[in-house]
């Protein structure tokens, strides 16, 4: 049976995910990308509004241009220069936060958030920096700090569904299920397609900890909270399949297709049927030279019967790290033989 073989390969796959994500300690790369894009918009507003001397504004504009061009070292130098010349102007720290996140999305930029919040507590979009700091506090297991920051963000912008969803996740980890559910209900009232906190925790358990039993429990709970969430069924189908429960997995995939045809689709990678593929594709965008990333995505492509895409990923992986050849040949042979 294909799934029996997948079970054997899965342990190795989980180890590779651990290698890639151990330094990130994140439940949402997508969240950081959203924060980064929002930060750039806010920076543009700050620079154009004349909040700093003209010489500093010119440096900030230069830094933004370097950032847009992907010249990150030059952009970082401009940010540091702006801070040196005008240490009480928040926009230098905004630029530096954006550049540091672009260089390494997992970089803890809470120090820049501290300065921005201290220097410009009433600037437009300040809630974004509370959300950013909350994320890094969560990574440090400072749940009270995360929730406090989200409280402040929500008080500033109470119609932000994503903020309630984030706070719901933090409350879940704190063990406050009633508040977590209340926030989640508020979040889906504002943005119906948001995942539940259990979906996020299930992702962590599945990818970062290899805990299929815990992930399954979380996906079950996520579906109970929102029976119309297509990706919840799709993700649960993956876990059920890896556990060998093929009929149940197929039922979940069919349910996901019924609710949202694009939830399980080959036509565009961003609509791939499971969180592992979506998140891994985001990872590869940030780290295009990581051979292991392509290796694991190649395995996931095989599991979705996308043999052409799998071949391309394996070839890219081998081009980056030829020493993986024997391992990739073994995984590909074992899986293809069972397809």
Protein backbone atom coordinates (compact mmCIF):
# COMPACT_ATOMS: atom_id res chain seq x y z
CA UNK A 1 0.00 0.00 0.00
CA UNK A 2 1.19 3.48 -0.86
CA UNK A 3 0.30 4.87 2.53
CA UNK A 4 2.23 2.19 4.38
CA UNK A 5 5.31 3.25 2.48
CA UNK A 6 4.56 6.90 3.10
CA UNK A 7 4.43 6.15 6.81
CA UNK A 8 8.00 4.85 6.62
CA UNK A 9 9.21 7.83 4.63
CA UNK A 10 7.33 10.27 6.82
CA UNK A 11 9.79 10.13 9.72
CA UNK A 12 12.61 11.24 7.45
CA UNK A 13 10.38 13.93 5.93
CA UNK A 14 9.56 15.27 9.40
CA UNK A 15 13.25 15.44 10.26
CA UNK A 16 13.90 17.50 7.15
CA UNK A 17 11.07 19.85 8.08
CA UNK A 18 12.62 20.15 11.54
CA UNK A 19 15.95 21.12 9.99
CA UNK A 20 14.34 23.81 7.88
CA UNK A 21 12.04 25.24 10.51
CA UNK A 22 13.92 24.83 13.79
CA UNK A 23 15.37 28.32 13.53
CA UNK A 24 12.06 29.87 12.49
CA UNK A 25 9.97 28.76 15.49
CA UNK A 26 6.99 30.20 13.68
CA UNK A 27 3.37 29.30 13.18
CA UNK A 28 2.95 31.59 10.19
CA UNK A 29 5.54 32.75 7.68
CA UNK A 30 2.60 34.21 5.83
CA UNK A 31 1.92 36.43 8.83
CA UNK A 32 5.44 37.83 8.76
CA UNK A 33 5.17 38.47 5.03
CA UNK A 34 1.91 40.34 5.62
CA UNK A 35 3.52 42.39 8.38
CA UNK A 36 6.51 43.16 6.17
CA UNK A 37 4.37 44.39 3.28
CA UNK A 38 2.26 46.48 5.65
CA UNK A 39 5.41 47.89 7.22
CA UNK A 40 6.64 49.09 3.82
CA UNK A 41 3.35 50.87 3.20
CA UNK A 42 3.55 52.52 6.61
CA UNK A 43 7.15 53.49 6.02
CA UNK A 44 6.20 55.18 2.76
CA UNK A 45 3.55 57.18 4.63
CA UNK A 46 6.01 58.14 7.36
CA UNK A 47 8.72 59.24 4.97
CA UNK A 48 6.41 61.36 2.87
CA UNK A 49 4.74 63.05 5.82
CA UNK A 50 7.76 65.12 6.78
CA UNK A 51 8.32 63.62 10.23
CA UNK A 52 12.10 63.90 9.94
CA UNK A 53 14.65 66.45 8.67
CA UNK A 54 15.00 66.50 4.90
CA UNK A 55 18.46 64.90 5.02
CA UNK A 56 17.09 61.94 7.00
CA UNK A 57 14.06 61.64 4.72
CA UNK A 58 16.42 61.45 1.75
CA UNK A 59 18.35 58.63 3.43
CA UNK A 60 15.11 56.80 4.18
CA UNK A 61 13.97 57.17 0.58
CA UNK A 62 17.33 55.82 -0.54
CA UNK A 63 16.91 52.89 1.83
CA UNK A 64 13.45 52.13 0.46
CA UNK A 65 14.82 52.21 -3.09
CA UNK A 66 17.61 49.83 -2.13
CA UNK A 67 15.09 47.56 -0.43
CA UNK A 68 12.82 47.54 -3.49
CA UNK A 69 15.84 46.63 -5.63
CA UNK A 70 16.83 43.80 -3.29
CA UNK A 71 20.03 45.60 -2.26
CA UNK A 72 19.63 44.64 1.37
CA UNK A 73 23.07 45.53 2.71
CA UNK A 74 22.76 49.05 1.30
CA UNK A 75 19.21 49.35 2.65
CA UNK A 76 20.35 48.27 6.10
CA UNK A 77 23.22 50.77 6.00
CA UNK A 78 20.75 53.54 5.15
CA UNK A 79 18.47 52.52 8.01
CA UNK A 80 21.32 52.54 10.50
CA UNK A 81 22.54 55.89 9.19
CA UNK A 82 19.06 57.41 9.56
CA UNK A 83 18.88 56.13 13.15
CA UNK A 84 22.33 57.50 13.90
CA UNK A 85 21.43 60.97 12.59
CA UNK A 86 17.95 61.12 14.12
CA UNK A 87 17.63 58.45 16.87
CA UNK A 88 14.29 59.85 18.04
CA UNK A 89 12.61 59.46 14.66
CA UNK A 90 10.65 56.23 14.37
CA UNK A 91 10.94 55.84 10.59
CA UNK A 92 14.57 54.72 10.73
CA UNK A 93 13.54 51.84 12.95
CA UNK A 94 10.60 51.06 10.66
CA UNK A 95 12.99 50.78 7.72
CA UNK A 96 15.45 48.69 9.69
CA UNK A 97 12.67 46.32 10.80
CA UNK A 98 11.57 45.88 7.18
CA UNK A 99 15.11 45.22 5.97
CA UNK A 100 15.94 42.78 8.78
CA UNK A 101 12.73 40.84 8.10
CA UNK A 102 13.62 40.70 4.41
CA UNK A 103 17.14 39.44 5.13
CA UNK A 104 15.94 36.78 7.57
CA UNK A 105 12.18 36.54 8.26
CA UNK A 106 12.83 34.81 11.58
CA UNK A 107 14.98 37.66 12.92
CA UNK A 108 13.65 38.97 16.23
CA UNK A 109 12.87 42.61 15.48
CA UNK A 110 11.08 43.30 18.76
CA UNK A 111 13.81 45.81 19.67
CA UNK A 112 12.86 47.91 16.66
CA UNK A 113 9.18 47.50 17.57
CA UNK A 114 9.97 48.76 21.08
CA UNK A 115 11.52 51.94 19.69
CA UNK A 116 8.73 52.56 17.18
CA UNK A 117 6.04 52.14 19.86
CA UNK A 118 7.99 54.34 22.28
CA UNK A 119 8.75 57.12 19.80
CA UNK A 120 5.53 57.20 17.77
CA UNK A 121 2.70 55.65 19.81
CA UNK A 122 0.06 57.45 17.74
CA UNK A 123 1.52 56.96 14.24
CA UNK A 124 -0.78 55.45 11.59
CA UNK A 125 -0.63 51.66 11.63
CA UNK A 126 1.07 51.39 15.02
CA UNK A 127 -1.03 48.27 15.70
CA UNK A 128 1.12 46.38 13.18
CA UNK A 129 4.16 46.77 15.40
CA UNK A 130 2.26 45.53 18.44
CA UNK A 131 1.29 42.47 16.39
CA UNK A 132 4.87 41.95 15.28
CA UNK A 133 6.18 42.16 18.82
CA UNK A 134 3.43 39.81 19.99
CA UNK A 135 4.64 37.21 17.51
CA UNK A 136 8.19 37.32 18.80
CA UNK A 137 7.03 37.26 22.40
CA UNK A 138 5.07 34.12 21.57
CA UNK A 139 8.21 32.54 20.18
CA UNK A 140 9.88 33.23 23.53
CA UNK A 141 6.88 31.61 25.27
CA UNK A 142 5.86 34.94 26.76
CA UNK A 143 2.14 34.33 26.28
CA UNK A 144 1.05 37.09 28.64
CA UNK A 145 3.21 39.55 26.73
CA UNK A 146 1.80 38.36 23.40
CA UNK A 147 -1.78 38.71 24.59
CA UNK A 148 -1.07 42.14 26.07
CA UNK A 149 0.33 43.34 22.74
CA UNK A 150 -2.64 41.92 20.86
CA UNK A 151 -5.02 43.63 23.31
CA UNK A 152 -3.36 46.94 22.43
CA UNK A 153 -3.44 46.22 18.70
CA UNK A 154 -7.13 45.33 18.81
CA UNK A 155 -7.97 48.41 20.90
CA UNK A 156 -6.40 50.53 18.13
CA UNK A 157 -8.03 48.65 15.25
CA UNK A 158 -11.01 46.64 16.52
CA UNK A 159 -12.19 45.58 13.05
CA UNK A 160 -9.02 43.59 12.22
CA UNK A 161 -10.15 39.97 11.93
CA UNK A 162 -6.57 38.74 11.59
CA UNK A 163 -5.71 40.27 14.98
CA UNK A 164 -8.51 38.37 16.71
CA UNK A 165 -7.36 35.16 15.01
CA UNK A 166 -3.82 35.70 16.24
CA UNK A 167 -4.95 36.46 19.79
CA UNK A 168 -7.20 33.40 19.68
CA UNK A 169 -4.13 31.30 18.94
CA UNK A 170 -2.20 32.78 21.87
CA UNK A 171 -5.15 32.19 24.19
CA UNK A 172 -5.29 28.57 23.02
CA UNK A 173 -1.66 28.03 24.01
CA UNK A 174 -2.34 29.69 27.36
CA UNK A 175 -5.16 27.20 27.93
CA UNK A 176 -8.00 29.74 27.88
CA UNK A 177 -10.35 27.95 25.48
CA UNK A 178 -13.37 30.16 26.21
CA UNK A 179 -11.51 33.34 25.26
CA UNK A 180 -9.87 31.56 22.34
CA UNK A 181 -13.26 30.52 20.99
CA UNK A 182 -14.70 34.01 21.51
CA UNK A 183 -11.84 35.58 19.57
CA UNK A 184 -12.10 32.98 16.84
CA UNK A 185 -15.82 33.59 16.44
CA UNK A 186 -15.09 37.30 16.17
CA UNK A 187 -12.36 36.68 13.61
CA UNK A 188 -14.50 34.55 11.30
CA UNK A 189 -17.35 37.07 11.59
CA UNK A 190 -14.91 39.60 10.11
CA UNK A 191 -12.98 37.26 7.77
CA UNK A 192 -14.81 33.93 7.32
CA UNK A 193 -11.90 32.11 5.67
CA UNK A 194 -9.46 32.49 8.58
CA UNK A 195 -8.11 29.23 10.03
CA UNK A 196 -8.86 28.29 13.61
CA UNK A 197 -6.15 28.36 16.29
CA UNK A 198 -6.41 24.57 16.34
CA UNK A 199 -5.48 24.50 12.66
CA UNK A 200 -2.35 26.51 13.45
CA UNK A 201 -1.44 24.30 16.41
CA UNK A 202 -2.11 21.19 14.35
CA UNK A 203 0.33 22.51 11.76
CA UNK A 204 3.01 22.96 14.44
CA UNK A 205 2.42 19.49 15.84
CA UNK A 206 2.48 17.87 12.41
CA UNK A 207 5.44 19.66 10.87
CA UNK A 208 7.66 20.70 13.71
CA UNK A 209 7.02 17.92 16.20
CA UNK A 210 5.96 14.96 14.02
CA UNK A 211 2.97 14.45 16.35
CA UNK A 212 0.31 13.05 14.03
CA UNK A 213 -2.03 12.04 16.86
CA UNK A 214 -1.98 15.53 18.37
CA UNK A 215 -2.34 17.13 14.94
CA UNK A 216 -5.36 14.96 14.15
CA UNK A 217 -7.01 15.99 17.41
CA UNK A 218 -6.43 19.64 16.59
CA UNK A 219 -7.78 19.33 13.04
CA UNK A 220 -10.87 17.56 14.41
CA UNK A 221 -11.42 20.47 16.77
CA UNK A 222 -10.80 23.01 14.01
CA UNK A 223 -13.50 21.40 11.87
CA UNK A 224 -15.87 21.36 14.82
CA UNK A 225 -15.31 25.09 15.25
CA UNK A 226 -15.78 25.82 11.56
CA UNK A 227 -17.42 22.97 9.59
CA UNK A 228 -17.14 24.97 6.36
CA UNK A 229 -13.33 25.39 6.45
CA UNK A 230 -12.13 23.46 3.40
CA UNK A 231 -8.43 23.53 4.23
CA UNK A 232 -9.18 21.99 7.63
CA UNK A 233 -10.55 18.88 5.91
CA UNK A 234 -7.68 18.82 3.45
CA UNK A 235 -5.06 19.04 6.21
CA UNK A 236 -6.85 16.39 8.25
CA UNK A 237 -6.94 14.18 5.20
CA UNK A 238 -3.14 14.34 4.98
CA UNK A 239 -2.74 13.26 8.59
CA UNK A 240 -5.31 10.49 8.24
CA UNK A 241 -3.59 9.26 5.11
CA UNK A 242 -0.21 9.18 6.84
CA UNK A 243 -1.80 7.14 9.60
CA UNK A 244 -3.11 4.64 7.03
CA UNK A 245 -6.80 5.60 7.32
CA UNK A 246 -7.28 5.81 3.56
CA UNK A 247 -11.08 5.83 3.38
CA UNK A 248 -11.31 8.62 5.92
CA UNK A 249 -8.57 10.56 4.13
CA UNK A 250 -10.38 10.31 0.80
CA UNK A 251 -13.61 11.44 2.46
CA UNK A 252 -11.85 14.50 3.83
CA UNK A 253 -10.36 15.36 0.44
CA UNK A 254 -13.77 15.03 -1.21
CA UNK A 255 -15.33 17.25 1.44
CA UNK A 256 -12.61 19.85 0.89
CA UNK A 257 -13.24 19.77 -2.86
CA UNK A 258 -16.97 20.19 -2.31
CA UNK A 259 -16.47 23.21 -0.07
CA UNK A 260 -13.73 24.83 -2.13
CA UNK A 261 -12.66 23.29 -5.44
CA UNK A 262 -9.34 25.14 -5.37
CA UNK A 263 -8.48 23.61 -1.98
CA UNK A 264 -7.24 20.52 -3.83
CA UNK A 265 -5.95 21.60 -7.21
CA UNK A 266 -2.97 20.91 -9.42
CA UNK A 267 -3.35 24.01 -11.57
CA UNK A 268 -1.57 26.41 -9.17
CA UNK A 269 0.87 25.55 -6.37
CA UNK A 270 -0.52 28.26 -4.09
CA UNK A 271 -3.82 26.34 -4.02
CA UNK A 272 -2.21 23.00 -3.22
CA UNK A 273 -4.37 20.87 -1.02
CA UNK A 274 -2.39 20.89 2.18
CA UNK A 275 -0.69 23.33 4.50
CA UNK A 276 2.67 21.53 4.22
CA UNK A 277 2.89 22.32 0.52
CA UNK A 278 1.70 25.89 0.85
CA UNK A 279 4.03 26.72 3.71
CA UNK A 280 6.97 24.94 2.11
CA UNK A 281 6.51 26.90 -1.10
CA UNK A 282 6.65 30.09 0.98
CA UNK A 283 9.82 28.83 2.64
CA UNK A 284 11.46 28.17 -0.74
CA UNK A 285 10.68 31.72 -1.87
CA UNK A 286 12.71 33.00 1.09
CA UNK A 287 15.45 30.36 0.81
CA UNK A 288 15.73 29.46 -2.90
CA UNK A 289 19.12 27.79 -2.44
CA UNK A 290 18.04 25.29 0.23
CA UNK A 291 18.28 21.88 -1.44
CA UNK A 292 16.36 20.20 1.38
CA UNK A 293 13.36 22.42 0.73
CA UNK A 294 13.07 21.21 -2.85
CA UNK A 295 13.67 17.62 -1.75
CA UNK A 296 10.74 17.68 0.66
CA UNK A 297 8.47 19.49 -1.77
CA UNK A 298 9.35 16.85 -4.33
CA UNK A 299 8.06 14.20 -1.92
CA UNK A 300 4.85 16.17 -1.37
CA UNK A 301 4.41 16.56 -5.13
CA UNK A 302 4.68 12.79 -5.51
CA UNK A 303 2.04 12.30 -2.84
CA UNK A 304 -0.26 14.54 -4.87
CA UNK A 305 0.46 12.63 -8.12
CA UNK A 306 2.32 15.60 -9.61
CA UNK A 307 5.20 13.58 -11.00
CA UNK A 308 6.41 16.32 -13.36
CA UNK A 309 6.61 18.88 -10.57
CA UNK A 310 8.27 16.30 -8.31
CA UNK A 311 10.92 15.60 -10.93
CA UNK A 312 11.65 19.30 -11.31
CA UNK A 313 12.00 19.73 -7.55
CA UNK A 314 14.30 16.73 -7.23
CA UNK A 315 16.48 17.98 -10.10
CA UNK A 316 16.72 21.42 -8.50
CA UNK A 317 17.64 19.83 -5.19
CA UNK A 318 20.36 17.75 -6.81
CA UNK A 319 21.70 20.77 -8.65
CA UNK A 320 22.11 22.57 -5.35
CA UNK A 321 23.39 19.59 -3.37
CA UNK A 322 24.55 16.63 -5.52
CA UNK A 323 25.29 14.54 -2.41
CA UNK A 324 21.54 14.05 -1.94
CA UNK A 325 21.33 11.86 -5.05
CA UNK A 326 21.29 8.48 -3.35
CA UNK A 327 18.72 9.61 -0.81
CA UNK A 328 16.44 11.20 -3.41
CA UNK A 329 16.71 8.16 -5.70
CA UNK A 330 15.71 5.88 -2.83
CA UNK A 331 12.71 8.01 -1.78
CA UNK A 332 11.54 8.52 -5.35
CA UNK A 333 11.91 4.83 -6.24
CA UNK A 334 10.05 3.66 -3.14
CA UNK A 335 7.17 6.09 -3.63
CA UNK A 336 6.80 5.79 -7.41
CA UNK A 337 6.82 2.00 -7.12
CA UNK A 338 3.77 2.24 -4.85
CA UNK A 339 1.83 4.83 -6.87
